[in-house]
Amino acid sequence: MTTKVYLGVGSNLNRDNALRFAKKELSALFSNVKCSSVWESRPVREAEPDYYNIVIGGDCDLSLDDLVAKLAEIELSAGKEMMFHNGTNFGIKRRLDVDVLVYGDLVTTEPCKLPRHDIQDYPFVLCPLCEIDPDFIHPLLKVRVSELWQEMEPRLPEKMKVNKVDFDWEVPAPSWTKE
């Protein structure tokens, strides 16, 4: 049995390669794969570099527990590196962050909280989700994501706005392995 799943993916460290790696690895988990455009957003911690974000998903045969375990493996395989930006050393950071946004219409707290609050809280999640599935009904709020975006977008302060990035998906993804 398949379940409609959407994942939020972000990177602010080697972000072009991180997203290419993520799309390659994550696409293998789905049939009927959908991937949003790349959206740039400012970090919550102001000194950090800007993020690139996508939403990817489709129909998934994995159980939620197996999916969460597989995502952890993919994040680990993407590796870590030193983050140094505008004179600030942030130390060793993960290149990739992948979160389950929704797993069908499941509402749960284990093994992760679903639906993820990021959908209604962050434009870097809601905008790309709305782009690939505007009619998707939020499992808890029972509202189309396009309606959530129509409410959120005009009220966004400048520092929370997202910008579509002209991104070249044709560049090969790196072949990172666990470090």
C-alpha atoms as a PDB file:
ATOM      1  CA  MET A   1       0.000   0.000   0.000  1.00  0.00           C
ATOM      2  CA  THR A   2       1.343   3.419  -0.894  1.00  0.00           C
ATOM      3  CA  THR A   3       1.038   6.619   1.086  1.00  0.00           C
ATOM      4  CA  LYS A   4       1.306  10.192  -0.177  1.00  0.00           C
ATOM      5  CA  VAL A   5       4.369  11.707   1.481  1.00  0.00           C
ATOM      6  CA  TYR A   6       5.982  15.116   1.248  1.00  0.00           C
ATOM      7  CA  LEU A   7       9.436  15.964   2.561  1.00  0.00           C
ATOM      8  CA  GLY A   8      10.974  19.346   3.277  1.00  0.00           C
ATOM      9  CA  VAL A   9      14.627  19.563   2.239  1.00  0.00           C
ATOM     10  CA  GLY A  10      17.022  22.369   3.069  1.00  0.00           C
ATOM     11  CA  SER A  11      20.691  23.216   2.971  1.00  0.00           C
ATOM     12  CA  ASN A  12      22.845  26.249   3.603  1.00  0.00           C
ATOM     13  CA  LEU A  13      26.162  24.427   3.290  1.00  0.00           C
ATOM     14  CA  ASN A  14      27.375  23.345  -0.151  1.00  0.00           C
ATOM     15  CA  ARG A  15      23.719  23.841  -0.931  1.00  0.00           C
ATOM     16  CA  ASP A  16      23.707  23.247  -4.722  1.00  0.00           C
ATOM     17  CA  ASN A  17      25.376  19.851  -4.357  1.00  0.00           C
ATOM     18  CA  ALA A  18      23.369  19.038  -1.239  1.00  0.00           C
ATOM     19  CA  LEU A  19      20.057  19.532  -3.067  1.00  0.00           C
ATOM     20  CA  ARG A  20      21.238  17.574  -6.102  1.00  0.00           C
ATOM     21  CA  PHE A  21      22.300  14.738  -3.799  1.00  0.00           C
ATOM     22  CA  ALA A  22      18.991  14.897  -1.919  1.00  0.00           C
ATOM     23  CA  LYS A  23      16.863  14.834  -5.066  1.00  0.00           C
ATOM     24  CA  LYS A  24      18.787  11.859  -6.466  1.00  0.00           C
ATOM     25  CA  GLU A  25      18.577   9.865  -3.223  1.00  0.00           C
ATOM     26  CA  LEU A  26      15.033  10.819  -2.237  1.00  0.00           C
ATOM     27  CA  SER A  27      13.482  10.301  -5.683  1.00  0.00           C
ATOM     28  CA  ALA A  28      14.288   6.595  -5.348  1.00  0.00           C
ATOM     29  CA  LEU A  29      11.867   6.382  -2.395  1.00  0.00           C
ATOM     30  CA  PHE A  30       8.813   7.443  -4.395  1.00  0.00           C
ATOM     31  CA  SER A  31       6.662   6.665  -7.368  1.00  0.00           C
ATOM     32  CA  ASN A  32       4.924   9.620  -9.014  1.00  0.00           C
ATOM     33  CA  VAL A  33       7.751  11.874  -7.776  1.00  0.00           C
ATOM     34  CA  LYS A  34       7.113  15.603  -7.586  1.00  0.00           C
ATOM     35  CA  CYS A  35       9.843  18.119  -6.832  1.00  0.00           C
ATOM     36  CA  SER A  36       9.362  21.837  -6.368  1.00  0.00           C
ATOM     37  CA  SER A  37      11.540  24.599  -7.674  1.00  0.00           C
ATOM     38  CA  VAL A  38      14.423  25.666  -5.477  1.00  0.00           C
ATOM     39  CA  TRP A  39      13.554  28.494  -3.100  1.00  0.00           C
ATOM     40  CA  GLU A  40      16.070  30.645  -1.234  1.00  0.00           C
ATOM     41  CA  SER A  41      15.329  31.822   2.277  1.00  0.00           C
ATOM     42  CA  ARG A  42      17.124  33.673   5.015  1.00  0.00           C
ATOM     43  CA  PRO A  43      18.268  31.677   8.030  1.00  0.00           C
ATOM     44  CA  VAL A  44      16.611  31.914  11.420  1.00  0.00           C
ATOM     45  CA  ARG A  45      20.071  32.608  12.896  1.00  0.00           C
ATOM     46  CA  GLU A  46      20.965  35.800  11.035  1.00  0.00           C
ATOM     47  CA  ALA A  47      24.742  35.275  10.786  1.00  0.00           C
ATOM     48  CA  GLU A  48      24.395  31.992   8.879  1.00  0.00           C
ATOM     49  CA  PRO A  49      24.337  31.805   5.061  1.00  0.00           C
ATOM     50  CA  ASP A  50      21.012  31.693   3.210  1.00  0.00           C
ATOM     51  CA  TYR A  51      19.248  28.379   2.640  1.00  0.00           C
ATOM     52  CA  TYR A  52      18.080  26.600  -0.469  1.00  0.00           C
ATOM     53  CA  ASN A  53      14.832  24.679   0.064  1.00  0.00           C
ATOM     54  CA  ILE A  54      12.693  22.233  -1.893  1.00  0.00           C
ATOM     55  CA  VAL A  55       9.719  20.020  -1.225  1.00  0.00           C
ATOM     56  CA  ILE A  56       9.845  16.572  -2.780  1.00  0.00           C
ATOM     57  CA  GLY A  57       7.440  13.703  -2.514  1.00  0.00           C
ATOM     58  CA  GLY A  58       5.047  11.308  -4.073  1.00  0.00           C
ATOM     59  CA  ASP A  59       3.693   7.874  -3.318  1.00  0.00           C
ATOM     60  CA  CYS A  60       5.816   5.878  -0.866  1.00  0.00           C
ATOM     61  CA  ASP A  61       5.724   2.170  -0.001  1.00  0.00           C
ATOM     62  CA  LEU A  62       7.815   2.513   3.177  1.00  0.00           C
ATOM     63  CA  SER A  63       6.308   2.511   6.650  1.00  0.00           C
ATOM     64  CA  LEU A  64       6.779   5.770   8.539  1.00  0.00           C
ATOM     65  CA  ASP A  65       9.421   4.171  10.792  1.00  0.00           C
ATOM     66  CA  ASP A  66      11.348   2.853   7.783  1.00  0.00           C
ATOM     67  CA  LEU A  67      11.071   6.187   5.985  1.00  0.00           C
ATOM     68  CA  VAL A  68      12.421   8.116   8.976  1.00  0.00           C
ATOM     69  CA  ALA A  69      15.324   5.645   9.258  1.00  0.00           C
ATOM     70  CA  LYS A  70      16.084   5.949   5.531  1.00  0.00           C
ATOM     71  CA  LEU A  71      16.052   9.771   5.720  1.00  0.00           C
ATOM     72  CA  ALA A  72      18.531   9.654   8.612  1.00  0.00           C
ATOM     73  CA  GLU A  73      20.821   7.464   6.464  1.00  0.00           C
ATOM     74  CA  ILE A  74      20.581   9.916   3.555  1.00  0.00           C
ATOM     75  CA  GLU A  75      21.375  12.892   5.812  1.00  0.00           C
ATOM     76  CA  LEU A  76      24.343  10.987   7.222  1.00  0.00           C
ATOM     77  CA  SER A  77      25.554  10.049   3.722  1.00  0.00           C
ATOM     78  CA  ALA A  78      25.449  13.713   2.684  1.00  0.00           C
ATOM     79  CA  GLY A  79      28.055  14.299   5.358  1.00  0.00           C
ATOM     80  CA  LYS A  80      29.252  17.339   7.223  1.00  0.00           C
ATOM     81  CA  GLU A  81      31.737  20.111   6.635  1.00  0.00           C
ATOM     82  CA  MET A  82      33.071  23.251   8.229  1.00  0.00           C
ATOM     83  CA  MET A  83      30.714  26.235   8.004  1.00  0.00           C
ATOM     84  CA  PHE A  84      32.556  29.530   7.874  1.00  0.00           C
ATOM     85  CA  HIS A  85      30.502  32.551   6.754  1.00  0.00           C
ATOM     86  CA  ASN A  86      31.128  36.301   6.977  1.00  0.00           C
ATOM     87  CA  GLY A  87      33.975  35.813   9.409  1.00  0.00           C
ATOM     88  CA  THR A  88      32.034  33.507  11.726  1.00  0.00           C
ATOM     89  CA  ASN A  89      33.100  29.918  12.303  1.00  0.00           C
ATOM     90  CA  PHE A  90      29.992  27.819  12.973  1.00  0.00           C
ATOM     91  CA  GLY A  91      31.952  24.584  13.321  1.00  0.00           C
ATOM     92  CA  ILE A  92      31.138  21.297  11.616  1.00  0.00           C
ATOM     93  CA  LYS A  93      27.557  21.243  10.308  1.00  0.00           C
ATOM     94  CA  ARG A  94      25.367  18.825   8.341  1.00  0.00           C
ATOM     95  CA  ARG A  95      25.095  19.575   4.633  1.00  0.00           C
ATOM     96  CA  LEU A  96      21.492  18.432   4.440  1.00  0.00           C
ATOM     97  CA  ASP A  97      18.297  18.549   6.479  1.00  0.00           C
ATOM     98  CA  VAL A  98      15.320  16.389   5.460  1.00  0.00           C
ATOM     99  CA  ASP A  99      12.026  16.418   7.366  1.00  0.00           C
ATOM    100  CA  VAL A 100       8.825  14.457   6.836  1.00  0.00           C
ATOM    101  CA  LEU A 101       6.112  17.084   6.381  1.00  0.00           C
ATOM    102  CA  VAL A 102       3.171  14.730   5.915  1.00  0.00           C
ATOM    103  CA  TYR A 103       2.645  11.009   5.736  1.00  0.00           C
ATOM    104  CA  GLY A 104      -0.797  10.627   4.219  1.00  0.00           C
ATOM    105  CA  ASP A 105      -3.314  12.111   6.624  1.00  0.00           C
ATOM    106  CA  LEU A 106      -1.546  10.699   9.686  1.00  0.00           C
ATOM    107  CA  VAL A 107      -1.516  12.837  12.833  1.00  0.00           C
ATOM    108  CA  THR A 108       1.085  11.541  15.296  1.00  0.00           C
ATOM    109  CA  THR A 109       4.024  12.418  17.521  1.00  0.00           C
ATOM    110  CA  GLU A 110       6.056   9.206  17.004  1.00  0.00           C
ATOM    111  CA  PRO A 111       8.552   8.625  15.444  1.00  0.00           C
ATOM    112  CA  CYS A 112       8.194  12.287  14.457  1.00  0.00           C
ATOM    113  CA  LYS A 113       5.502  14.916  14.859  1.00  0.00           C
ATOM    114  CA  LEU A 114       3.117  14.913  11.901  1.00  0.00           C
ATOM    115  CA  PRO A 115       1.930  16.904  10.178  1.00  0.00           C
ATOM    116  CA  ARG A 116       5.043  18.998  10.666  1.00  0.00           C
ATOM    117  CA  HIS A 117       4.314  22.520  11.935  1.00  0.00           C
ATOM    118  CA  ASP A 118       6.726  23.905   9.324  1.00  0.00           C
ATOM    119  CA  ILE A 119       3.924  23.734   6.755  1.00  0.00           C
ATOM    120  CA  GLN A 120       1.921  26.537   8.325  1.00  0.00           C
ATOM    121  CA  ASP A 121       4.865  28.301  10.017  1.00  0.00           C
ATOM    122  CA  TYR A 122       7.517  28.714   7.330  1.00  0.00           C
ATOM    123  CA  PRO A 123       7.196  30.129   3.816  1.00  0.00           C
ATOM    124  CA  PHE A 124      10.246  28.098   2.677  1.00  0.00           C
ATOM    125  CA  VAL A 125       8.110  24.977   3.244  1.00  0.00           C
ATOM    126  CA  LEU A 126       4.594  26.171   2.427  1.00  0.00           C
ATOM    127  CA  CYS A 127       5.489  27.932  -0.836  1.00  0.00           C
ATOM    128  CA  PRO A 128       7.206  24.936  -2.500  1.00  0.00           C
ATOM    129  CA  LEU A 129       4.549  22.531  -1.176  1.00  0.00           C
ATOM    130  CA  CYS A 130       1.859  24.758  -2.622  1.00  0.00           C
ATOM    131  CA  GLU A 131       3.784  24.877  -5.912  1.00  0.00           C
ATOM    132  CA  ILE A 132       3.687  21.090  -6.405  1.00  0.00           C
ATOM    133  CA  ASP A 133       0.322  20.292  -4.814  1.00  0.00           C
ATOM    134  CA  PRO A 134      -1.831  23.385  -4.193  1.00  0.00           C
ATOM    135  CA  ASP A 135      -4.925  21.269  -3.546  1.00  0.00           C
ATOM    136  CA  PHE A 136      -3.285  19.170  -0.839  1.00  0.00           C
ATOM    137  CA  ILE A 137      -5.443  19.289   2.304  1.00  0.00           C
ATOM    138  CA  HIS A 138      -3.516  19.844   5.533  1.00  0.00           C
ATOM    139  CA  PRO A 139      -4.329  16.746   7.653  1.00  0.00           C
ATOM    140  CA  LEU A 140      -4.884  18.684  10.870  1.00  0.00           C
ATOM    141  CA  LEU A 141      -6.130  22.079   9.722  1.00  0.00           C
ATOM    142  CA  LYS A 142      -8.361  20.615   6.976  1.00  0.00           C
ATOM    143  CA  VAL A 143      -7.489  23.493   4.633  1.00  0.00           C
ATOM    144  CA  ARG A 144      -5.859  23.467   1.198  1.00  0.00           C
ATOM    145  CA  VAL A 145      -2.208  24.488   1.326  1.00  0.00           C
ATOM    146  CA  SER A 146      -2.951  27.055  -1.396  1.00  0.00           C
ATOM    147  CA  GLU A 147      -5.363  28.766   1.010  1.00  0.00           C
ATOM    148  CA  LEU A 148      -2.716  28.778   3.734  1.00  0.00           C
ATOM    149  CA  TRP A 149      -0.249  30.359   1.283  1.00  0.00           C
ATOM    150  CA  GLN A 150      -2.804  32.983   0.200  1.00  0.00           C
ATOM    151  CA  GLU A 151      -3.123  33.992   3.850  1.00  0.00           C
ATOM    152  CA  MET A 152       0.594  33.884   4.647  1.00  0.00           C
ATOM    153  CA  GLU A 153       2.275  35.380   1.594  1.00  0.00           C
ATOM    154  CA  PRO A 154       0.948  38.966   1.684  1.00  0.00           C
ATOM    155  CA  ARG A 155       1.751  39.290   5.411  1.00  0.00           C
ATOM    156  CA  LEU A 156       5.366  38.160   5.247  1.00  0.00           C
ATOM    157  CA  PRO A 157       7.992  40.569   6.545  1.00  0.00           C
ATOM    158  CA  GLU A 158      10.835  41.155   4.092  1.00  0.00           C
ATOM    159  CA  LYS A 159      13.255  38.904   5.989  1.00  0.00           C
ATOM    160  CA  MET A 160      10.897  35.906   5.701  1.00  0.00           C
ATOM    161  CA  LYS A 161      10.148  36.170   1.969  1.00  0.00           C
ATOM    162  CA  VAL A 162      11.327  33.363  -0.295  1.00  0.00           C
ATOM    163  CA  ASN A 163      12.767  33.767  -3.766  1.00  0.00           C
ATOM    164  CA  LYS A 164      12.709  31.237  -6.583  1.00  0.00           C
ATOM    165  CA  VAL A 165      16.216  30.263  -7.714  1.00  0.00           C
ATOM    166  CA  ASP A 166      17.264  29.524 -11.276  1.00  0.00           C
ATOM    167  CA  PHE A 167      18.743  26.105 -10.513  1.00  0.00           C
ATOM    168  CA  ASP A 168      20.526  23.718 -12.881  1.00  0.00           C
ATOM    169  CA  TRP A 169      19.402  20.166 -12.077  1.00  0.00           C
ATOM    170  CA  GLU A 170      21.432  18.839 -15.035  1.00  0.00           C
ATOM    171  CA  VAL A 171      24.710  19.094 -13.098  1.00  0.00           C
ATOM    172  CA  PRO A 172      25.459  15.600 -11.723  1.00  0.00           C
ATOM    173  CA  ALA A 173      24.856  15.001  -8.036  1.00  0.00           C
ATOM    174  CA  PRO A 174      27.927  14.246  -5.935  1.00  0.00           C
ATOM    175  CA  SER A 175      28.527  10.680  -4.776  1.00  0.00           C
ATOM    176  CA  TRP A 176      28.913  11.331  -1.097  1.00  0.00           C
ATOM    177  CA  THR A 177      29.194   8.420   1.290  1.00  0.00           C
ATOM    178  CA  LYS A 178      28.987   8.230   5.062  1.00  0.00           C
ATOM    179  CA  GLU A 179      31.807  10.184   6.664  1.00  0.00           C
END
